[in-house]
């Protein structure tokens, strides 16, 4: 146990150094908010990967693999081929070309006119809802890891980790997040394969999986008759994640910070491959853990217990640090996007306009503090239901995807249509959640309703000359000269 505490202390010291270095590099609000829009390819790949590789999906998804074998591979790995592949092909380059800072700014640029401010404001509220609540689910995942590997109770864990993360993140904002992500991703690239090897050796190879799993759970063929995790639920989860990530403010912030559009596109394609492979290794490792620990009362403890019982103390410490970094880096990443939304979309726009960079950096730090306190209030609620909690808090953000995609690729799509689309989707999803509709009837139906309303309102509107602001948006987003020749 002493070795693990020593490694954790050394790891906190490293993060402290990185935070101080980031603090010294902050010269402007753009540095604090977007790393000066100068993120290169290796750093962008690392931050995209670390931002996705979180304890909520990792611990929650691993529990699915423990219970249902290859079903967990679909849940935590294969769906990301579609999630990030489509992101790269549809929005990565346009987002960077536009030079925006938040998703709400996209709505402002694309949807001018009478209802522009309301549409932008609704986009701000929707993105802020997820980024304000999601860190608590990652903190809940960290509490599972620390309680198993260090014997620390969840309440102590969430207080300690939140305090440490706040202190470190306050210093350099997004620059701190990038530094943490690079370290976290290097650890992930090394120790996820190590964890896979540990599981493989402990279980004596793939042949032993047949002793604890039904044959259908060792095949990637769709399984439709599982009550909570059938293939219909997998398709729903995949669809929701595609929609979620299109509008995800924490991923958007990373793409916005890229040095150029080419780096943004290539980094997202690379991330697609690496995340798929890494999550597949995690799911397989969890399946191996069932061979050696077949009767766990809490499947979410499968990975940390494998580390605890089948690795020496030093390796436990390093793997513990890796799992902690996974959660901390993602939590800091989403905190940063929440702070960006509050400061850019609310403070700078409505409360304190045209202030100095120093003022907005100081304001960002105050928002960090408020966010940290609210994270503490939510965190323990999600322990034991991490994946479900993350799923339900993401449904609203997914509703932004259709207006974004339609706005990017359908010039006739109007501001009224975008607002109607959002309002219809938000109202339906709210009712569906309150009425406890089945999972597959919440996000997919909400997005479908959103799309139908948006399409109908657009087609019902009379054709008019393209607004010069919309023409300029398309020229910028798609890298064309269309604006110069557009009717004025």
Protein backbone atom coordinates (compact mmCIF):
# COMPACT_ATOMS: atom_id res chain seq x y z
CA UNK A 1 0.00 0.00 0.00
CA UNK A 2 2.89 2.38 0.76
CA UNK A 3 4.22 2.04 -2.79
CA UNK A 4 0.84 3.00 -4.25
CA UNK A 5 0.55 6.08 -2.06
CA UNK A 6 4.09 7.12 -3.02
CA UNK A 7 3.32 6.79 -6.73
CA UNK A 8 0.07 8.75 -6.35
CA UNK A 9 1.91 11.53 -4.49
CA UNK A 10 4.57 11.65 -7.23
CA UNK A 11 1.82 11.81 -9.84
CA UNK A 12 0.11 14.73 -8.05
CA UNK A 13 3.48 16.52 -7.89
CA UNK A 14 3.89 16.05 -11.66
CA UNK A 15 0.44 17.47 -12.30
CA UNK A 16 1.28 20.38 -10.01
CA UNK A 17 4.38 21.13 -12.09
CA UNK A 18 2.41 20.95 -15.35
CA UNK A 19 -0.23 23.24 -13.91
CA UNK A 20 2.41 25.79 -12.85
CA UNK A 21 4.03 25.64 -16.29
CA UNK A 22 0.65 26.25 -17.92
CA UNK A 23 0.06 29.18 -15.59
CA UNK A 24 3.32 30.76 -16.75
CA UNK A 25 2.31 30.34 -20.40
CA UNK A 26 -1.04 32.12 -20.09
CA UNK A 27 -0.66 35.58 -21.61
CA UNK A 28 -4.15 36.21 -23.04
CA UNK A 29 -7.69 34.94 -22.58
CA UNK A 30 -7.30 33.03 -25.87
CA UNK A 31 -4.42 31.12 -24.25
CA UNK A 32 -6.54 30.29 -21.22
CA UNK A 33 -9.59 29.35 -23.28
CA UNK A 34 -8.17 27.75 -26.46
CA UNK A 35 -4.39 27.37 -26.02
CA UNK A 36 -3.90 30.23 -28.47
CA UNK A 37 -5.44 28.11 -31.29
CA UNK A 38 -2.03 26.56 -31.78
CA UNK A 39 -2.55 22.89 -30.87
CA UNK A 40 -0.43 20.63 -33.09
CA UNK A 41 -1.21 17.14 -34.40
CA UNK A 42 0.37 14.95 -31.65
CA UNK A 43 -1.08 17.05 -28.84
CA UNK A 44 -4.50 17.17 -30.50
CA UNK A 45 -4.58 13.38 -30.92
CA UNK A 46 -3.62 12.99 -27.27
CA UNK A 47 -6.20 15.45 -25.96
CA UNK A 48 -8.99 14.02 -28.13
CA UNK A 49 -8.18 10.52 -26.92
CA UNK A 50 -7.79 11.44 -23.27
CA UNK A 51 -11.00 13.50 -23.33
CA UNK A 52 -12.96 10.47 -24.54
CA UNK A 53 -11.16 7.84 -22.46
CA UNK A 54 -13.08 8.49 -19.25
CA UNK A 55 -13.88 6.53 -16.12
CA UNK A 56 -17.63 6.73 -16.70
CA UNK A 57 -17.46 4.86 -20.00
CA UNK A 58 -14.44 2.84 -18.89
CA UNK A 59 -15.85 1.56 -15.60
CA UNK A 60 -19.50 1.54 -16.70
CA UNK A 61 -18.80 -0.03 -20.09
CA UNK A 62 -16.46 -2.55 -18.53
CA UNK A 63 -19.30 -3.73 -16.31
CA UNK A 64 -21.28 -4.58 -19.47
CA UNK A 65 -18.34 -6.65 -20.76
CA UNK A 66 -18.14 -8.46 -17.41
CA UNK A 67 -21.80 -9.38 -17.58
CA UNK A 68 -22.29 -9.97 -21.31
CA UNK A 69 -18.89 -10.44 -22.91
CA UNK A 70 -18.71 -9.23 -26.50
CA UNK A 71 -21.79 -7.05 -25.99
CA UNK A 72 -19.43 -4.81 -24.03
CA UNK A 73 -17.10 -4.62 -27.05
CA UNK A 74 -19.95 -3.18 -29.09
CA UNK A 75 -20.83 -0.74 -26.31
CA UNK A 76 -17.38 0.57 -25.54
CA UNK A 77 -15.39 0.05 -28.73
CA UNK A 78 -16.97 -0.65 -32.11
CA UNK A 79 -19.53 2.13 -31.95
CA UNK A 80 -16.72 4.70 -31.97
CA UNK A 81 -15.81 3.78 -35.54
CA UNK A 82 -19.06 5.47 -36.51
CA UNK A 83 -19.07 8.14 -33.79
CA UNK A 84 -15.67 9.67 -34.50
CA UNK A 85 -15.48 8.68 -38.15
CA UNK A 86 -18.60 10.70 -38.92
CA UNK A 87 -17.33 13.57 -36.78
CA UNK A 88 -14.14 13.72 -38.83
CA UNK A 89 -16.02 13.62 -42.13
CA UNK A 90 -18.76 16.12 -41.29
CA UNK A 91 -17.73 18.81 -38.81
CA UNK A 92 -14.01 18.67 -37.91
CA UNK A 93 -12.81 20.89 -40.74
CA UNK A 94 -15.77 23.32 -40.83
CA UNK A 95 -15.55 23.89 -37.06
CA UNK A 96 -11.90 24.90 -37.31
CA UNK A 97 -12.41 27.05 -40.40
CA UNK A 98 -15.10 29.07 -38.66
CA UNK A 99 -12.76 30.18 -35.86
CA UNK A 100 -15.47 29.87 -33.20
CA UNK A 101 -15.00 29.34 -29.45
CA UNK A 102 -18.22 27.54 -28.46
CA UNK A 103 -21.03 25.58 -30.12
CA UNK A 104 -23.39 28.48 -29.40
CA UNK A 105 -21.17 30.71 -31.56
CA UNK A 106 -21.78 28.29 -34.42
CA UNK A 107 -25.52 28.94 -34.04
CA UNK A 108 -24.92 32.69 -33.91
CA UNK A 109 -22.87 32.64 -37.12
CA UNK A 110 -25.17 30.31 -39.06
CA UNK A 111 -28.61 31.47 -37.94
CA UNK A 112 -29.02 35.27 -38.14
CA UNK A 113 -32.26 37.21 -38.04
CA UNK A 114 -35.28 37.60 -35.82
CA UNK A 115 -34.86 34.50 -33.64
CA UNK A 116 -31.08 34.42 -33.70
CA UNK A 117 -30.53 35.37 -30.07
CA UNK A 118 -33.10 32.90 -28.73
CA UNK A 119 -31.62 30.08 -30.81
CA UNK A 120 -28.13 30.88 -29.66
CA UNK A 121 -29.25 31.11 -26.03
CA UNK A 122 -31.00 27.74 -26.16
CA UNK A 123 -27.86 26.15 -27.61
CA UNK A 124 -25.87 27.64 -24.72
CA UNK A 125 -28.27 26.23 -22.11
CA UNK A 126 -28.31 22.76 -23.69
CA UNK A 127 -24.52 22.46 -23.93
CA UNK A 128 -24.04 23.84 -20.44
CA UNK A 129 -26.47 21.29 -18.98
CA UNK A 130 -24.29 18.37 -20.00
CA UNK A 131 -20.94 19.94 -19.19
CA UNK A 132 -22.16 20.98 -15.74
CA UNK A 133 -23.41 17.51 -14.78
CA UNK A 134 -21.13 15.08 -16.67
CA UNK A 135 -17.99 15.65 -14.51
CA UNK A 136 -19.85 14.15 -11.57
CA UNK A 137 -20.23 10.86 -13.47
CA UNK A 138 -16.47 10.72 -14.06
CA UNK A 139 -15.86 11.53 -10.41
CA UNK A 140 -18.18 8.67 -9.49
CA UNK A 141 -16.04 6.36 -11.61
CA UNK A 142 -12.91 7.57 -9.85
CA UNK A 143 -14.49 6.83 -6.49
CA UNK A 144 -14.94 3.19 -7.55
CA UNK A 145 -11.27 2.95 -8.54
CA UNK A 146 -9.92 4.54 -5.37
CA UNK A 147 -12.21 2.61 -3.03
CA UNK A 148 -10.99 -0.70 -4.46
CA UNK A 149 -7.30 0.07 -4.95
CA UNK A 150 -6.68 2.39 -1.99
CA UNK A 151 -9.49 1.48 0.38
CA UNK A 152 -10.69 5.10 0.52
CA UNK A 153 -14.40 5.72 1.00
CA UNK A 154 -16.27 7.49 -1.86
CA UNK A 155 -17.00 10.70 0.05
CA UNK A 156 -13.33 11.28 0.86
CA UNK A 157 -12.42 10.45 -2.73
CA UNK A 158 -14.77 12.94 -4.36
CA UNK A 159 -13.78 15.73 -1.98
CA UNK A 160 -10.04 15.12 -2.37
CA UNK A 161 -10.06 14.69 -6.16
CA UNK A 162 -12.35 17.67 -6.73
CA UNK A 163 -10.15 19.89 -4.57
CA UNK A 164 -6.94 18.78 -6.29
CA UNK A 165 -8.44 19.12 -9.77
CA UNK A 166 -9.80 22.57 -9.02
CA UNK A 167 -6.52 23.89 -7.68
CA UNK A 168 -4.61 22.53 -10.66
CA UNK A 169 -7.14 23.49 -13.35
CA UNK A 170 -7.58 27.05 -12.10
CA UNK A 171 -4.03 27.96 -12.98
CA UNK A 172 -3.79 27.48 -16.73
CA UNK A 173 -7.30 26.65 -17.94
CA UNK A 174 -7.27 24.85 -21.27
CA UNK A 175 -3.46 24.85 -21.38
CA UNK A 176 -3.52 22.85 -18.14
CA UNK A 177 -6.09 20.47 -19.65
CA UNK A 178 -3.85 19.88 -22.68
CA UNK A 179 -0.84 19.15 -20.48
CA UNK A 180 -2.81 16.68 -18.36
CA UNK A 181 -4.24 15.03 -21.47
CA UNK A 182 -0.82 14.43 -23.01
CA UNK A 183 0.45 12.74 -19.84
CA UNK A 184 -2.79 10.78 -19.45
CA UNK A 185 -2.73 9.57 -23.04
CA UNK A 186 0.87 8.42 -22.84
CA UNK A 187 -0.05 6.42 -19.74
CA UNK A 188 -3.11 5.02 -21.51
CA UNK A 189 -1.08 3.91 -24.53
CA UNK A 190 1.34 2.06 -22.27
CA UNK A 191 -0.79 0.64 -19.48
CA UNK A 192 -4.03 -0.36 -21.22
CA UNK A 193 -2.06 -2.96 -23.21
CA UNK A 194 -0.28 -3.91 -19.96
CA UNK A 195 -3.65 -4.39 -18.25
CA UNK A 196 -4.79 -6.54 -21.17
CA UNK A 197 -1.72 -8.75 -20.81
CA UNK A 198 -2.34 -9.07 -17.06
CA UNK A 199 -5.90 -10.21 -17.70
CA UNK A 200 -4.86 -12.55 -20.50
CA UNK A 201 -2.21 -14.27 -18.37
CA UNK A 202 -4.41 -14.45 -15.27
CA UNK A 203 -7.22 -16.08 -17.25
CA UNK A 204 -4.85 -18.37 -19.16
CA UNK A 205 -5.83 -17.04 -22.57
CA UNK A 206 -8.93 -16.74 -24.73
CA UNK A 207 -9.86 -20.41 -24.43
CA UNK A 208 -10.99 -19.94 -20.84
CA UNK A 209 -13.67 -17.40 -21.77
CA UNK A 210 -15.98 -20.23 -22.81
CA UNK A 211 -16.03 -21.41 -19.18
CA UNK A 212 -17.80 -18.28 -17.93
CA UNK A 213 -19.68 -16.88 -20.96
CA UNK A 214 -22.43 -18.34 -23.09
CA UNK A 215 -21.38 -18.90 -26.68
CA UNK A 216 -23.49 -16.02 -27.93
CA UNK A 217 -21.54 -13.65 -25.67
CA UNK A 218 -18.30 -14.61 -27.41
CA UNK A 219 -19.50 -13.61 -30.86
CA UNK A 220 -20.01 -10.16 -32.33
CA UNK A 221 -23.33 -11.19 -33.85
CA UNK A 222 -26.17 -8.94 -32.68
CA UNK A 223 -28.07 -10.10 -29.59
CA UNK A 224 -31.54 -8.59 -29.45
CA UNK A 225 -33.16 -10.20 -26.41
CA UNK A 226 -31.15 -8.74 -23.51
CA UNK A 227 -33.44 -6.64 -21.37
CA UNK A 228 -31.15 -3.63 -20.89
CA UNK A 229 -28.26 -4.24 -23.28
CA UNK A 230 -29.76 -5.81 -26.41
CA UNK A 231 -28.62 -4.77 -29.87
CA UNK A 232 -31.47 -2.27 -30.15
CA UNK A 233 -30.02 -0.52 -27.10
CA UNK A 234 -26.54 -0.68 -28.67
CA UNK A 235 -27.81 0.95 -31.86
CA UNK A 236 -29.54 3.59 -29.76
CA UNK A 237 -26.36 4.20 -27.76
CA UNK A 238 -24.34 4.46 -30.98
CA UNK A 239 -26.84 6.85 -32.56
CA UNK A 240 -26.98 8.98 -29.45
CA UNK A 241 -23.21 9.19 -29.25
CA UNK A 242 -22.95 10.19 -32.90
CA UNK A 243 -25.42 13.00 -32.26
CA UNK A 244 -23.83 13.90 -28.91
CA UNK A 245 -20.30 14.22 -30.22
CA UNK A 246 -21.32 16.32 -33.22
CA UNK A 247 -22.46 18.91 -30.65
CA UNK A 248 -20.07 18.01 -27.80
CA UNK A 249 -18.62 21.27 -26.47
CA UNK A 250 -15.52 19.61 -24.96
CA UNK A 251 -14.64 18.01 -28.29
CA UNK A 252 -15.50 21.20 -30.11
CA UNK A 253 -13.14 23.15 -27.86
CA UNK A 254 -10.28 20.85 -28.87
CA UNK A 255 -11.03 21.11 -32.58
CA UNK A 256 -11.41 24.90 -32.26
CA UNK A 257 -7.92 25.00 -30.72
CA UNK A 258 -6.22 23.14 -33.61
CA UNK A 259 -3.50 24.98 -35.49
CA UNK A 260 -5.40 24.50 -38.76
CA UNK A 261 -8.24 22.53 -40.33
CA UNK A 262 -5.96 19.81 -41.75
CA UNK A 263 -4.63 18.98 -38.29
CA UNK A 264 -8.19 18.92 -36.92
CA UNK A 265 -9.32 16.43 -39.57
CA UNK A 266 -6.30 14.12 -39.43
CA UNK A 267 -6.24 14.08 -35.63
CA UNK A 268 -9.90 13.04 -35.46
CA UNK A 269 -9.39 10.20 -37.95
CA UNK A 270 -6.38 8.99 -35.96
CA UNK A 271 -8.37 9.23 -32.76
CA UNK A 272 -11.12 7.08 -34.31
CA UNK A 273 -8.71 4.19 -34.82
CA UNK A 274 -6.91 4.47 -31.49
CA UNK A 275 -10.03 4.81 -29.33
CA UNK A 276 -11.64 1.79 -31.00
CA UNK A 277 -8.57 -0.37 -30.36
CA UNK A 278 -7.99 0.82 -26.79
CA UNK A 279 -11.59 0.32 -25.70
CA UNK A 280 -11.60 -3.14 -27.29
CA UNK A 281 -8.59 -4.05 -25.14
CA UNK A 282 -10.43 -2.76 -22.05
CA UNK A 283 -13.52 -4.84 -22.82
CA UNK A 284 -11.45 -7.98 -23.44
CA UNK A 285 -9.52 -7.40 -20.22
CA UNK A 286 -12.78 -7.19 -18.32
CA UNK A 287 -13.95 -10.43 -19.90
CA UNK A 288 -10.74 -12.09 -18.69
CA UNK A 289 -11.42 -10.75 -15.20
CA UNK A 290 -14.64 -12.75 -15.07
CA UNK A 291 -12.65 -15.94 -15.53
CA UNK A 292 -10.66 -15.34 -12.36
CA UNK A 293 -13.39 -13.44 -10.45
CA UNK A 294 -16.67 -14.94 -11.66
CA UNK A 295 -18.94 -13.87 -8.82
CA UNK A 296 -18.42 -10.16 -8.26
CA UNK A 297 -21.41 -8.44 -6.65
CA UNK A 298 -20.44 -5.16 -8.33
CA UNK A 299 -19.39 -5.66 -11.98
CA UNK A 300 -18.10 -2.06 -12.08
CA UNK A 301 -15.27 -3.19 -9.79
CA UNK A 302 -13.99 -5.79 -12.29
CA UNK A 303 -11.08 -3.75 -13.68
CA UNK A 304 -9.79 -2.25 -10.41
CA UNK A 305 -10.07 -5.64 -8.65
CA UNK A 306 -8.10 -7.31 -11.42
CA UNK A 307 -5.36 -4.75 -10.83
CA UNK A 308 -5.54 -5.21 -7.06
CA UNK A 309 -5.38 -9.01 -7.03
CA UNK A 310 -3.16 -9.86 -9.99
CA UNK A 311 -0.38 -7.26 -10.17
CA UNK A 312 2.51 -6.36 -7.83
CA UNK A 313 2.29 -3.21 -5.75
CA UNK A 314 4.41 -1.02 -8.06
CA UNK A 315 2.39 -2.00 -11.12
CA UNK A 316 -0.77 -1.41 -9.11
CA UNK A 317 0.43 2.08 -8.36
CA UNK A 318 1.17 2.84 -12.01
CA UNK A 319 -2.12 1.38 -13.19
CA UNK A 320 -3.92 3.28 -10.44
CA UNK A 321 -2.32 6.49 -11.63
CA UNK A 322 -3.38 5.66 -15.20
CA UNK A 323 -6.99 5.11 -14.16
CA UNK A 324 -6.95 8.27 -12.04
CA UNK A 325 -5.48 10.26 -14.93
CA UNK A 326 -8.19 8.93 -17.23
CA UNK A 327 -10.87 10.37 -14.96
CA UNK A 328 -9.09 13.55 -13.96
CA UNK A 329 -8.08 14.59 -17.48
CA UNK A 330 -11.63 14.10 -18.79
CA UNK A 331 -13.16 15.88 -15.82
CA UNK A 332 -10.83 18.86 -16.27
CA UNK A 333 -11.56 18.81 -20.01
CA UNK A 334 -15.31 19.07 -19.53
CA UNK A 335 -14.95 21.61 -16.75
CA UNK A 336 -12.98 23.74 -19.18
CA UNK A 337 -15.71 23.52 -21.80
CA UNK A 338 -18.34 24.47 -19.21
CA UNK A 339 -16.26 27.47 -18.13
CA UNK A 340 -15.82 28.45 -21.78
CA UNK A 341 -19.58 28.34 -22.34
CA UNK A 342 -20.33 30.44 -19.26
CA UNK A 343 -17.68 33.07 -19.96
CA UNK A 344 -18.01 33.30 -23.77
CA UNK A 345 -21.75 32.77 -24.15
CA UNK A 346 -23.04 34.51 -21.03
CA UNK A 347 -20.51 36.75 -19.27
CA UNK A 348 -18.84 38.30 -22.35
CA UNK A 349 -22.10 38.58 -24.27
CA UNK A 350 -24.62 39.74 -21.69
CA UNK A 351 -22.95 40.79 -18.44
CA UNK A 352 -19.45 42.25 -18.85
CA UNK A 353 -18.70 43.24 -22.42
CA UNK A 354 -15.39 44.51 -23.76
CA UNK A 355 -13.37 43.88 -20.62
CA UNK A 356 -9.66 43.04 -20.49
CA UNK A 357 -8.20 39.57 -21.01
CA UNK A 358 -7.16 39.56 -17.36
CA UNK A 359 -10.76 40.15 -16.29
CA UNK A 360 -12.05 37.20 -18.30
CA UNK A 361 -9.29 34.90 -17.04
CA UNK A 362 -10.17 35.85 -13.45
CA UNK A 363 -13.87 35.31 -14.17
CA UNK A 364 -13.08 31.87 -15.60
CA UNK A 365 -11.37 30.92 -12.35
CA UNK A 366 -14.41 31.97 -10.32
CA UNK A 367 -16.64 29.84 -12.56
CA UNK A 368 -14.26 26.92 -12.02
CA UNK A 369 -14.82 27.19 -8.27
CA UNK A 370 -18.60 27.23 -8.58
CA UNK A 371 -18.46 24.30 -10.98
CA UNK A 372 -16.31 22.28 -8.60
CA UNK A 373 -18.73 22.75 -5.71
CA UNK A 374 -21.68 21.64 -7.85
CA UNK A 375 -19.73 18.59 -9.03
CA UNK A 376 -19.31 17.53 -5.41
CA UNK A 377 -23.05 17.81 -4.87
CA UNK A 378 -23.84 15.51 -7.81
CA UNK A 379 -21.02 12.95 -7.69
CA UNK A 380 -22.10 10.37 -5.13
CA UNK A 381 -25.57 10.13 -6.66
CA UNK A 382 -24.15 8.33 -9.68
CA UNK A 383 -22.07 5.63 -8.01
CA UNK A 384 -23.43 2.25 -9.12
CA UNK A 385 -25.28 3.72 -12.13
CA UNK A 386 -22.46 5.44 -13.96
CA UNK A 387 -23.18 4.41 -17.54
CA UNK A 388 -26.93 5.02 -17.19
CA UNK A 389 -26.37 8.45 -15.62
CA UNK A 390 -23.99 9.46 -18.40
CA UNK A 391 -26.47 8.25 -20.99
CA UNK A 392 -29.38 10.28 -19.67
CA UNK A 393 -27.50 13.53 -19.12
CA UNK A 394 -26.32 13.42 -22.75
CA UNK A 395 -29.70 13.23 -24.48
CA UNK A 396 -30.28 16.99 -24.57
CA UNK A 397 -26.92 17.82 -26.15
CA UNK A 398 -27.57 15.21 -28.85
CA UNK A 399 -30.55 17.32 -29.97
CA UNK A 400 -28.18 20.02 -31.26
CA UNK A 401 -26.71 17.69 -33.88
CA UNK A 402 -29.47 17.95 -36.48
CA UNK A 403 -29.53 21.77 -36.56
CA UNK A 404 -25.72 21.75 -36.78
CA UNK A 405 -25.58 19.27 -39.67
CA UNK A 406 -28.51 20.86 -41.47
CA UNK A 407 -26.96 24.27 -40.92
CA UNK A 408 -23.69 23.11 -42.42
CA UNK A 409 -25.02 21.26 -45.44
CA UNK A 410 -28.44 22.74 -46.26
CA UNK A 411 -28.28 26.42 -47.10
CA UNK A 412 -32.06 26.82 -47.16
CA UNK A 413 -32.35 25.64 -43.52
CA UNK A 414 -33.63 28.69 -41.62
CA UNK A 415 -33.22 30.22 -38.20
CA UNK A 416 -36.89 29.58 -37.47
CA UNK A 417 -36.42 25.93 -38.44
CA UNK A 418 -33.38 25.60 -36.18
CA UNK A 419 -35.25 27.09 -33.21
CA UNK A 420 -38.36 24.99 -33.85
CA UNK A 421 -36.23 21.90 -34.18
CA UNK A 422 -34.52 22.52 -30.85
CA UNK A 423 -37.71 23.42 -28.97
CA UNK A 424 -39.56 20.33 -30.24
CA UNK A 425 -36.71 18.03 -29.33
CA UNK A 426 -36.12 19.50 -25.88
CA UNK A 427 -39.82 19.40 -24.99
CA UNK A 428 -40.20 15.79 -26.08
CA UNK A 429 -37.05 14.57 -24.31
CA UNK A 430 -38.04 16.35 -21.09
CA UNK A 431 -41.46 14.67 -21.11
CA UNK A 432 -39.91 11.30 -22.03
CA UNK A 433 -37.45 11.46 -19.14
CA UNK A 434 -40.08 12.55 -16.62
CA UNK A 435 -42.43 9.80 -17.81
CA UNK A 436 -39.64 7.18 -17.71
CA UNK A 437 -39.96 6.20 -21.36
CA UNK A 438 -37.80 3.26 -22.48
CA UNK A 439 -34.27 4.37 -23.38
CA UNK A 440 -34.69 3.64 -27.09
CA UNK A 441 -37.75 5.94 -27.21
CA UNK A 442 -35.95 8.97 -25.78
CA UNK A 443 -32.98 10.20 -27.79
CA UNK A 444 -33.75 8.62 -31.20
CA UNK A 445 -37.37 9.81 -31.16
CA UNK A 446 -36.32 13.20 -29.86
CA UNK A 447 -33.79 13.67 -32.67
CA UNK A 448 -36.26 12.33 -35.25
CA UNK A 449 -38.94 14.75 -34.07
CA UNK A 450 -36.38 17.56 -34.10
CA UNK A 451 -35.44 16.70 -37.69
CA UNK A 452 -39.06 16.47 -38.88
CA UNK A 453 -39.98 19.83 -37.37
CA UNK A 454 -36.87 21.47 -38.81
CA UNK A 455 -37.45 20.06 -42.29
CA UNK A 456 -41.16 20.97 -42.34
CA UNK A 457 -40.51 24.55 -41.20
CA UNK A 458 -37.79 24.97 -43.80
CA UNK A 459 -39.86 23.62 -46.69
CA UNK A 460 -42.89 25.66 -45.59
CA UNK A 461 -40.93 28.92 -45.65
CA UNK A 462 -40.96 30.89 -48.91
CA UNK A 463 -37.77 30.82 -50.96
CA UNK A 464 -35.76 34.00 -50.62
CA UNK A 465 -32.39 35.30 -51.67
CA UNK A 466 -29.64 33.88 -49.50
CA UNK A 467 -28.82 36.15 -46.58
CA UNK A 468 -25.28 37.50 -47.14
CA UNK A 469 -24.38 36.40 -43.59
CA UNK A 470 -25.42 32.83 -44.41
CA UNK A 471 -23.50 32.93 -47.69
CA UNK A 472 -20.43 34.14 -45.82
CA UNK A 473 -20.86 31.36 -43.27
CA UNK A 474 -20.94 28.70 -46.01
CA UNK A 475 -17.93 30.20 -47.78
CA UNK A 476 -15.94 30.12 -44.55
CA UNK A 477 -17.11 26.73 -43.29
CA UNK A 478 -16.50 24.94 -46.59
CA UNK A 479 -13.47 26.89 -47.77
CA UNK A 480 -15.05 28.29 -50.95
CA UNK A 481 -15.37 31.66 -52.66
CA UNK A 482 -19.14 31.37 -52.73
CA UNK A 483 -19.67 34.49 -50.63
CA UNK A 484 -18.05 36.74 -53.22
CA UNK A 485 -20.58 35.71 -55.85
CA UNK A 486 -23.66 35.44 -53.63
CA UNK A 487 -26.64 37.75 -54.29
CA UNK A 488 -26.51 40.75 -52.00
